Amino acid sequence: MNIEQLYSIYLQNPSIQTDTRKLKAGDLFFALKGANFNGNEFAAKALEQGAGFAVVDEEKYFTQPDKMMLVSDALEALQQLALHHRKQLGIPFIAITGTNGKTTTKELINAALSSNYKTYATVGNLNNHIGVPLTILSIREDVELAVIEMGANHQREIEAYCKIALPTHGIITNIGKAHLEGFGGEEGVKKAKGELYDYLRANNGTVFVCNEYGYLMEMSQGIAHVITYGRENADYTGRPLADKAFLEVEVTGDSKVGLIQTQLVGAYNFPNVMAAVTVASHFKVPAQKIAPAIAAYTPSNNRSQVIKQGSNTIIMDAYNANPSSMKAALDNFAGLQANKKVLLLGAMMELGEDSIKEHQALVDALQRTHWDAVVLVGGDFQKVTHPYIYLPDALEAKKWLEQQQFTDTHILVKGSRSTGMERVISQ
């Protein structure tokens, strides 16, 4: 593969597509492979549908040399193209990883930065081995700052993304119990997420660290530039205001940002808001622009969304769940002022041999607080001891909820992505 030749083709066809169902005229099609598909089989179809060019990695599908390039591995070609493009962009790249809050933090930072700069951020959660290069290749030359989300469920994954994105700045939101199966336990999670710090340490980078997490302060030692945020004794400080339906943050210290009235539920979002304040302030966004930009952000995609149904208030937090995020959501929900509180909780996935133990610990913790009703849905909730209602799937939970006819009730819906808990309130 000649990367200069491929880059020249990309510049003529700067919109990348890997799925013919989403193809637009002029797209550059990459024939990627998956467990149940071979993109090479669709390359000719992509050209018929108007693709400007196709990259294939099997010779028998290399049928139109004037509109195709044959490479040894299409995914590797995509990643190398992204790296080459990244090298042409002399701008700061802010990489974000962590167990919980990655996407919310990314969106808040992008909101704050884009109030003053032309920025680009990962769309949705395109944060994997395909999403990261696609994100980089979506960045145009007039962009001034980029915010890249990096997800991972095994070792060396973040390291690989750093070699493509070449981040100059980074944030680890937190480290908790998630994907324990792939990481090999909690220490494995720390090591894997810490690959971002390792890269920035080796490349004279800058990290933004919440000083309330002692493990992050320890992990960031030796990095050239460490900028801290938190409630106190940090470069940027603030405090969450209590007894509010939505999180309010007062930015303290020398900052002129002042009070931020967010549309986020839960004090667990305080570090995410402070990360955005810190990054924006570091990049000299005027203080008077930061609070309105963060306040205007509305969560979506089942991430801590507040939905009103009649007199009921539903907190829909069904994008994902792990022991750490479950605890944060439940602690926050327990502290809300409400007449009645109901929980519908989907099982937590990818916990490996710790799964039964973690589900049992969760239901044991639930019993220390009064709830008006608790429904546990699917997975390993079936294998633990508890006094609550167990239902096999989200559709059964939906039927149960409709039968109760609750009024003036706060309802928390949370669960791992594969449990599909958003179906509980679907119309």
Protein backbone atom coordinates (compact mmCIF):
# COMPACT_ATOMS: atom_id res chain seq x y z
CA MET A 1 0.00 0.00 0.00
CA ASN A 2 1.24 3.46 -0.94
CA ILE A 3 -0.08 5.73 1.82
CA GLU A 4 0.56 8.90 -0.20
CA GLN A 5 -1.49 7.51 -3.08
CA LEU A 6 -4.29 6.48 -0.72
CA TYR A 7 -4.22 9.89 0.96
CA SER A 8 -4.51 11.57 -2.43
CA ILE A 9 -7.60 9.45 -3.14
CA TYR A 10 -9.00 10.33 0.30
CA LEU A 11 -8.54 14.07 -0.36
CA GLN A 12 -10.63 13.67 -3.50
CA ASN A 13 -13.21 11.54 -1.63
CA PRO A 14 -12.99 12.77 1.99
CA SER A 15 -16.13 11.04 3.25
CA ILE A 16 -15.43 7.47 4.43
CA GLN A 17 -18.04 4.71 4.49
CA THR A 18 -17.88 1.06 5.52
CA ASP A 19 -21.58 0.20 5.10
CA THR A 20 -23.24 0.29 1.67
CA ARG A 21 -26.62 0.92 3.34
CA LYS A 22 -25.37 4.34 4.45
CA LEU A 23 -23.41 5.15 1.32
CA LYS A 24 -23.54 8.62 -0.25
CA ALA A 25 -22.35 9.60 -3.70
CA GLY A 26 -18.60 10.22 -3.77
CA ASP A 27 -17.81 8.25 -0.59
CA LEU A 28 -14.55 6.34 -0.19
CA PHE A 29 -15.61 2.77 0.67
CA PHE A 30 -13.45 0.54 2.85
CA ALA A 31 -14.21 -3.19 2.61
CA LEU A 32 -13.92 -4.16 6.27
CA LYS A 33 -14.55 -7.65 7.61
CA GLY A 34 -16.62 -8.70 10.62
CA ALA A 35 -17.64 -11.93 12.28
CA ASN A 36 -20.63 -12.30 9.95
CA PHE A 37 -19.75 -10.24 6.88
CA ASN A 38 -17.03 -9.56 4.34
CA GLY A 39 -17.04 -6.01 3.02
CA ASN A 40 -15.14 -7.10 -0.08
CA GLU A 41 -18.34 -8.74 -1.32
CA PHE A 42 -20.00 -5.30 -1.39
CA ALA A 43 -17.23 -3.27 -3.01
CA ALA A 44 -18.56 -3.49 -6.57
CA LYS A 45 -22.06 -2.67 -5.29
CA ALA A 46 -20.66 0.37 -3.49
CA LEU A 47 -19.23 1.70 -6.75
CA GLU A 48 -22.55 1.03 -8.51
CA GLN A 49 -24.28 3.07 -5.81
CA GLY A 50 -22.00 6.03 -6.46
CA ALA A 51 -18.97 5.53 -4.25
CA GLY A 52 -16.01 7.45 -5.62
CA PHE A 53 -13.50 4.74 -4.78
CA ALA A 54 -13.19 1.41 -2.93
CA VAL A 55 -10.40 -0.16 -0.88
CA VAL A 56 -10.43 -3.97 -0.90
CA ASP A 57 -8.10 -6.60 0.55
CA GLU A 58 -8.98 -9.73 -1.42
CA GLU A 59 -7.67 -10.00 -4.96
CA LYS A 60 -10.75 -11.69 -6.44
CA TYR A 61 -12.82 -8.59 -5.62
CA PHE A 62 -10.26 -6.23 -7.17
CA THR A 63 -12.27 -5.96 -10.38
CA GLN A 64 -12.06 -2.25 -11.25
CA PRO A 65 -8.43 -1.10 -10.94
CA ASP A 66 -9.30 2.47 -11.96
CA LYS A 67 -11.69 2.79 -8.99
CA MET A 68 -10.23 0.34 -6.50
CA MET A 69 -7.08 -0.08 -4.45
CA LEU A 70 -5.93 -3.54 -3.33
CA VAL A 71 -4.30 -3.59 0.11
CA SER A 72 -3.20 -6.43 2.39
CA ASP A 73 -5.66 -5.46 5.17
CA ALA A 74 -8.46 -2.92 4.73
CA LEU A 75 -8.78 -2.15 8.45
CA GLU A 76 -5.06 -1.58 8.78
CA ALA A 77 -5.19 0.66 5.70
CA LEU A 78 -8.00 2.68 7.29
CA GLN A 79 -6.00 3.09 10.48
CA GLN A 80 -2.80 4.04 8.64
CA LEU A 81 -4.75 6.57 6.56
CA ALA A 82 -6.14 8.08 9.76
CA LEU A 83 -2.63 8.35 11.23
CA HIS A 84 -1.34 10.02 8.07
CA HIS A 85 -4.22 12.51 8.16
CA ARG A 86 -3.63 13.14 11.86
CA LYS A 87 -0.02 14.08 11.10
CA GLN A 88 -1.23 16.78 8.71
CA LEU A 89 -3.36 18.35 11.46
CA GLY A 90 -1.16 20.48 13.69
CA ILE A 91 -3.83 20.96 16.33
CA PRO A 92 -4.37 19.81 19.92
CA PHE A 93 -6.02 16.39 20.22
CA ILE A 94 -7.74 15.76 23.56
CA ALA A 95 -8.23 12.05 24.21
CA ILE A 96 -10.84 10.86 26.73
CA THR A 97 -11.15 7.42 28.26
CA GLY A 98 -12.38 5.97 31.56
CA THR A 99 -14.93 3.55 32.96
CA ASN A 100 -17.90 5.90 33.32
CA GLY A 101 -18.79 9.31 31.91
CA LYS A 102 -16.61 9.27 28.78
CA THR A 103 -19.31 10.34 26.36
CA THR A 104 -20.89 12.92 28.66
CA THR A 105 -17.48 14.44 29.42
CA LYS A 106 -16.64 14.47 25.73
CA GLU A 107 -19.90 16.24 24.89
CA LEU A 108 -19.48 18.81 27.69
CA ILE A 109 -15.90 19.58 26.69
CA ASN A 110 -16.90 19.91 23.06
CA ALA A 111 -19.78 22.23 24.01
CA ALA A 112 -17.51 24.47 26.04
CA LEU A 113 -14.68 24.56 23.48
CA SER A 114 -16.97 25.07 20.49
CA SER A 115 -18.32 28.25 22.07
CA ASN A 116 -15.00 29.83 21.09
CA TYR A 117 -13.30 27.53 18.56
CA LYS A 118 -14.07 25.40 15.55
CA THR A 119 -13.91 21.95 17.13
CA TYR A 120 -14.60 18.37 16.18
CA ALA A 121 -15.57 15.60 18.58
CA THR A 122 -16.30 11.90 18.28
CA VAL A 123 -19.87 11.43 17.04
CA GLY A 124 -21.95 9.28 19.38
CA ASN A 125 -19.73 6.55 20.73
CA LEU A 126 -17.54 5.83 17.70
CA ASN A 127 -14.72 5.03 20.10
CA ASN A 128 -13.38 1.65 18.97
CA HIS A 129 -10.80 0.32 16.47
CA ILE A 130 -13.00 1.45 13.58
CA GLY A 131 -14.63 4.48 15.18
CA VAL A 132 -11.39 6.19 16.21
CA PRO A 133 -9.89 6.25 12.68
CA LEU A 134 -13.26 7.20 11.17
CA THR A 135 -13.47 10.08 13.64
CA ILE A 136 -10.00 11.32 12.72
CA LEU A 137 -10.77 11.07 9.02
CA SER A 138 -13.88 13.19 9.54
CA ILE A 139 -11.78 16.13 10.77
CA ARG A 140 -11.28 18.93 8.27
CA GLU A 141 -8.27 21.21 7.96
CA ASP A 142 -10.10 24.26 9.36
CA VAL A 143 -10.75 22.58 12.74
CA GLU A 144 -8.84 24.13 15.65
CA LEU A 145 -9.32 21.47 18.36
CA ALA A 146 -10.34 17.80 18.35
CA VAL A 147 -11.88 15.74 21.15
CA ILE A 148 -11.48 11.99 20.70
CA GLU A 149 -13.26 9.39 22.83
CA MET A 150 -11.49 6.07 23.34
CA GLY A 151 -13.35 3.03 24.63
CA ALA A 152 -11.71 -0.27 25.49
CA ASN A 153 -12.54 -3.74 26.78
CA HIS A 154 -9.08 -5.34 26.69
CA GLN A 155 -5.40 -4.54 27.23
CA ARG A 156 -3.33 -2.59 24.67
CA GLU A 157 -6.44 -1.15 23.03
CA ILE A 158 -5.96 2.44 24.26
CA GLU A 159 -2.27 2.16 23.41
CA ALA A 160 -3.20 1.28 19.82
CA TYR A 161 -5.61 4.22 19.54
CA CYS A 162 -2.97 6.63 20.86
CA LYS A 163 -0.63 5.50 18.08
CA ILE A 164 -3.29 6.56 15.57
CA ALA A 165 -4.67 9.71 17.22
CA LEU A 166 -1.37 11.02 18.68
CA PRO A 167 -3.13 12.88 21.50
CA THR A 168 -1.49 15.97 22.98
CA HIS A 169 -3.86 16.13 25.97
CA GLY A 170 -5.81 13.49 27.86
CA ILE A 171 -8.42 12.73 30.49
CA ILE A 172 -9.21 9.51 32.33
CA THR A 173 -12.65 10.22 33.79
CA ASN A 174 -12.40 7.46 36.42
CA ILE A 175 -11.61 3.78 36.78
CA GLY A 176 -14.22 1.34 37.99
CA LYS A 177 -15.56 -2.16 37.56
CA ALA A 178 -16.45 -2.65 33.91
CA HIS A 179 -15.46 -5.19 31.23
CA LEU A 180 -13.74 -7.15 34.01
CA GLU A 181 -13.88 -10.24 31.82
CA GLY A 182 -11.76 -8.68 29.06
CA PHE A 183 -9.43 -6.72 31.33
CA GLY A 184 -8.73 -9.51 33.80
CA GLY A 185 -10.01 -7.78 36.95
CA GLU A 186 -9.91 -4.29 38.44
CA GLU A 187 -6.13 -3.91 38.29
CA GLY A 188 -6.38 -4.83 34.63
CA VAL A 189 -8.87 -1.98 34.07
CA LYS A 190 -6.45 0.46 35.69
CA LYS A 191 -3.54 -0.75 33.57
CA ALA A 192 -5.57 -0.58 30.35
CA LYS A 193 -6.98 2.91 30.93
CA GLY A 194 -3.55 4.03 32.13
CA GLU A 195 -2.17 3.41 28.64
CA LEU A 196 -3.38 6.94 27.81
CA TYR A 197 -1.24 8.37 30.63
CA ASP A 198 1.67 6.20 29.48
CA TYR A 199 1.50 7.68 26.00
CA LEU A 200 1.25 11.26 27.24
CA ARG A 201 4.07 10.69 29.73
CA ALA A 202 6.30 9.48 26.90
CA ASN A 203 5.32 12.32 24.57
CA ASN A 204 5.49 15.44 26.78
CA GLY A 205 1.69 15.60 26.97
CA THR A 206 -0.79 17.31 29.27
CA VAL A 207 -3.36 15.55 31.44
CA PHE A 208 -6.42 16.93 33.23
CA VAL A 209 -6.91 14.98 36.46
CA CYS A 210 -9.71 14.96 39.02
CA ASN A 211 -7.75 15.18 42.27
CA GLU A 212 -10.57 13.50 44.20
CA TYR A 213 -9.46 10.20 42.69
CA GLY A 214 -6.21 9.42 44.48
CA TYR A 215 -5.43 6.59 42.07
CA LEU A 216 -5.48 9.02 39.12
CA MET A 217 -3.15 11.42 40.92
CA GLU A 218 -0.80 8.51 41.56
CA MET A 219 -1.05 7.20 38.01
CA SER A 220 -0.32 10.64 36.52
CA GLN A 221 3.04 11.02 38.28
CA GLY A 222 5.86 11.73 35.88
CA ILE A 223 3.67 13.34 33.22
CA ALA A 224 5.11 16.69 32.13
CA HIS A 225 1.97 18.77 32.58
CA VAL A 226 -0.72 17.81 35.13
CA ILE A 227 -3.70 20.15 35.55
CA THR A 228 -6.07 19.27 38.38
CA TYR A 229 -9.76 19.87 39.12
CA GLY A 230 -12.00 19.03 42.05
CA ARG A 231 -13.71 20.49 45.10
CA GLU A 232 -10.56 21.90 46.69
CA ASN A 233 -6.76 22.04 46.49
CA ALA A 234 -6.89 21.89 42.69
CA ASP A 235 -6.01 24.21 39.81
CA TYR A 236 -9.75 24.54 39.07
CA THR A 237 -12.31 24.09 41.83
CA GLY A 238 -16.07 23.96 42.18
CA ARG A 239 -18.81 22.44 44.28
CA PRO A 240 -22.09 20.73 43.43
CA LEU A 241 -25.16 22.37 44.95
CA ALA A 242 -27.44 19.95 46.79
CA ASP A 243 -31.20 19.31 46.68
CA LYS A 244 -31.66 20.19 43.02
CA ALA A 245 -33.43 18.06 40.41
CA PHE A 246 -30.68 18.93 37.96
CA LEU A 247 -27.04 19.31 38.90
CA GLU A 248 -25.90 22.86 39.60
CA VAL A 249 -22.19 23.56 39.92
CA GLU A 250 -20.66 26.65 41.43
CA VAL A 251 -17.18 27.19 40.02
CA THR A 252 -15.02 28.61 42.80
CA GLY A 253 -11.44 29.88 43.18
CA ASP A 254 -10.23 32.60 40.85
CA SER A 255 -12.50 31.51 38.00
CA LYS A 256 -15.11 33.95 36.68
CA VAL A 257 -17.29 31.11 35.32
CA GLY A 258 -19.68 31.29 38.29
CA LEU A 259 -22.82 29.17 38.55
CA ILE A 260 -23.60 26.49 35.95
CA GLN A 261 -27.17 25.18 35.83
CA THR A 262 -26.87 21.93 33.94
CA GLN A 263 -29.46 19.63 32.41
CA LEU A 264 -27.69 16.63 33.96
CA VAL A 265 -29.02 14.44 36.74
CA GLY A 266 -26.79 13.48 39.63
CA ALA A 267 -23.80 14.76 41.56
CA TYR A 268 -21.82 11.97 39.89
CA ASN A 269 -21.72 14.32 36.88
CA PHE A 270 -19.84 16.95 38.90
CA PRO A 271 -16.37 15.72 37.78
CA ASN A 272 -17.59 15.67 34.16
CA VAL A 273 -18.71 19.30 34.38
CA MET A 274 -15.47 20.34 36.10
CA ALA A 275 -13.46 18.57 33.39
CA ALA A 276 -15.20 20.73 30.79
CA VAL A 277 -14.61 23.90 32.81
CA THR A 278 -10.95 23.00 33.23
CA VAL A 279 -10.26 22.13 29.59
CA ALA A 280 -12.10 25.21 28.31
CA SER A 281 -10.30 27.48 30.78
CA HIS A 282 -6.93 25.93 29.86
CA PHE A 283 -7.59 26.73 26.20
CA LYS A 284 -8.53 30.32 27.11
CA VAL A 285 -12.26 30.13 26.36
CA PRO A 286 -13.67 33.37 27.88
CA ALA A 287 -15.24 32.61 31.28
CA GLN A 288 -18.55 34.20 30.31
CA LYS A 289 -18.97 31.67 27.46
CA ILE A 290 -18.31 28.52 29.47
CA ALA A 291 -21.37 28.35 31.77
CA PRO A 292 -23.97 28.98 29.01
CA ALA A 293 -22.31 26.42 26.74
CA ILE A 294 -22.35 23.68 29.39
CA ALA A 295 -25.87 24.63 30.53
CA ALA A 296 -27.16 24.24 26.97
CA TYR A 297 -26.02 20.62 26.71
CA THR A 298 -28.92 18.17 26.88
CA PRO A 299 -28.09 14.48 27.42
CA SER A 300 -29.44 12.04 24.86
CA ASN A 301 -29.15 8.41 23.80
CA ASN A 302 -30.51 7.11 27.13
CA ARG A 303 -27.76 8.74 29.19
CA SER A 304 -29.28 10.24 32.35
CA GLN A 305 -32.22 11.59 30.40
CA VAL A 306 -35.11 13.02 32.41
CA ILE A 307 -38.46 12.13 30.86
CA LYS A 308 -41.85 13.29 32.12
CA GLN A 309 -44.75 10.86 31.65
CA GLY A 310 -47.88 12.32 33.17
CA SER A 311 -47.11 13.05 36.80
CA ASN A 312 -44.18 10.59 36.80
CA THR A 313 -40.52 11.51 36.39
CA ILE A 314 -38.38 8.88 34.68
CA ILE A 315 -34.61 8.93 34.80
CA MET A 316 -33.59 6.92 31.76
CA ASP A 317 -29.96 5.81 32.20
CA ALA A 318 -30.04 2.68 30.11
CA TYR A 319 -27.06 3.23 27.83
CA ASN A 320 -24.85 1.00 29.94
CA ALA A 321 -24.23 -0.25 33.46
CA ASN A 322 -21.45 -1.68 35.61
CA PRO A 323 -21.02 -1.89 39.39
CA SER A 324 -19.45 1.58 39.60
CA SER A 325 -22.06 3.40 37.53
CA MET A 326 -24.91 1.48 39.23
CA LYS A 327 -23.70 2.59 42.65
CA ALA A 328 -23.40 6.23 41.55
CA ALA A 329 -26.88 6.24 39.99
CA LEU A 330 -28.50 4.55 42.98
CA ASP A 331 -26.79 6.81 45.51
CA ASN A 332 -28.01 9.84 43.60
CA PHE A 333 -31.54 8.45 43.21
CA ALA A 334 -31.70 7.65 46.93
CA GLY A 335 -30.89 11.29 47.71
CA LEU A 336 -33.58 12.79 45.47
CA GLN A 337 -36.61 14.40 47.12
CA ALA A 338 -39.57 12.38 45.85
CA ASN A 339 -42.85 10.94 47.14
CA LYS A 340 -42.32 7.48 45.65
CA LYS A 341 -39.27 5.83 44.12
CA VAL A 342 -39.27 2.80 41.84
CA LEU A 343 -36.26 0.97 40.36
CA LEU A 344 -36.16 -1.07 37.16
CA LEU A 345 -32.63 -2.41 36.86
CA GLY A 346 -31.23 -4.50 34.02
CA ALA A 347 -28.36 -6.92 34.55
CA MET A 348 -24.70 -5.92 34.27
CA MET A 349 -22.68 -7.67 31.56
CA GLU A 350 -19.03 -8.55 30.87
CA LEU A 351 -18.12 -9.05 34.53
CA GLY A 352 -16.67 -12.50 34.02
CA GLU A 353 -16.17 -14.64 37.13
CA ASP A 354 -17.06 -11.63 39.33
CA SER A 355 -20.56 -11.35 37.87
CA ILE A 356 -22.52 -13.28 40.52
CA LYS A 357 -20.59 -11.60 43.34
CA GLU A 358 -21.21 -8.11 41.91
CA HIS A 359 -24.92 -8.71 41.32
CA GLN A 360 -25.29 -10.04 44.85
CA ALA A 361 -23.43 -7.03 46.26
CA LEU A 362 -25.78 -4.73 44.35
CA VAL A 363 -28.99 -6.32 45.66
CA ASP A 364 -27.53 -6.39 49.18
CA ALA A 365 -26.89 -2.65 48.91
CA LEU A 366 -30.41 -2.07 47.60
CA GLN A 367 -31.85 -3.53 50.79
CA ARG A 368 -30.26 -0.78 52.88
CA THR A 369 -32.61 1.83 51.36
CA HIS A 370 -36.41 1.92 51.18
CA TRP A 371 -37.81 1.73 47.66
CA ASP A 372 -41.50 1.60 46.76
CA ALA A 373 -40.80 -1.13 44.23
CA VAL A 374 -37.75 -2.83 42.71
CA VAL A 375 -37.74 -4.89 39.50
CA LEU A 376 -34.56 -6.75 38.47
CA VAL A 377 -34.32 -7.74 34.83
CA GLY A 378 -32.44 -10.58 33.17
CA GLY A 379 -28.91 -11.91 33.33
CA ASP A 380 -27.31 -12.88 36.61
CA PHE A 381 -30.02 -11.23 38.71
CA GLN A 382 -31.71 -14.61 38.27
CA LYS A 383 -28.86 -16.33 40.12
CA VAL A 384 -28.66 -14.21 43.28
CA THR A 385 -30.72 -14.04 46.47
CA HIS A 386 -33.03 -11.04 46.85
CA PRO A 387 -36.57 -10.09 47.97
CA TYR A 388 -37.46 -8.21 44.77
CA ILE A 389 -39.44 -8.87 41.59
CA TYR A 390 -37.41 -10.67 38.93
CA LEU A 391 -38.43 -10.55 35.26
CA PRO A 392 -36.59 -12.18 32.37
CA ASP A 393 -36.44 -9.23 29.96
CA ALA A 394 -37.22 -5.56 29.38
CA LEU A 395 -40.51 -6.23 27.59
CA GLU A 396 -41.84 -8.08 30.64
CA ALA A 397 -40.69 -5.14 32.76
CA LYS A 398 -42.58 -2.81 30.42
CA LYS A 399 -45.78 -4.84 30.92
CA TRP A 400 -45.28 -4.78 34.69
CA LEU A 401 -44.79 -1.01 34.73
CA GLU A 402 -47.89 -0.39 32.61
CA GLN A 403 -49.98 -2.53 34.97
CA GLN A 404 -48.94 -0.55 38.08
CA GLN A 405 -50.37 2.79 36.90
CA PHE A 406 -47.99 4.78 39.09
CA THR A 407 -48.62 8.49 39.68
CA ASP A 408 -46.36 11.18 41.15
CA THR A 409 -43.50 8.66 41.13
CA HIS A 410 -39.80 8.89 40.33
CA ILE A 411 -38.63 5.89 38.30
CA LEU A 412 -34.99 4.98 37.61
CA VAL A 413 -34.38 2.76 34.57
CA LYS A 414 -30.82 1.49 34.23
CA GLY A 415 -29.03 -1.53 32.79
CA SER A 416 -26.31 -2.77 30.46
CA ARG A 417 -26.77 -2.01 26.78
CA SER A 418 -27.60 -5.58 25.83
CA THR A 419 -30.57 -5.69 28.24
CA GLY A 420 -32.32 -2.97 26.18
CA MET A 421 -33.90 -1.31 29.19
CA GLU A 422 -35.00 1.68 27.12
CA ARG A 423 -37.81 -0.58 25.86
CA VAL A 424 -39.41 -0.34 29.30
CA ILE A 425 -40.88 3.06 28.40
CA SER A 426 -41.00 2.80 24.61
CA GLN A 427 -44.30 3.64 22.99
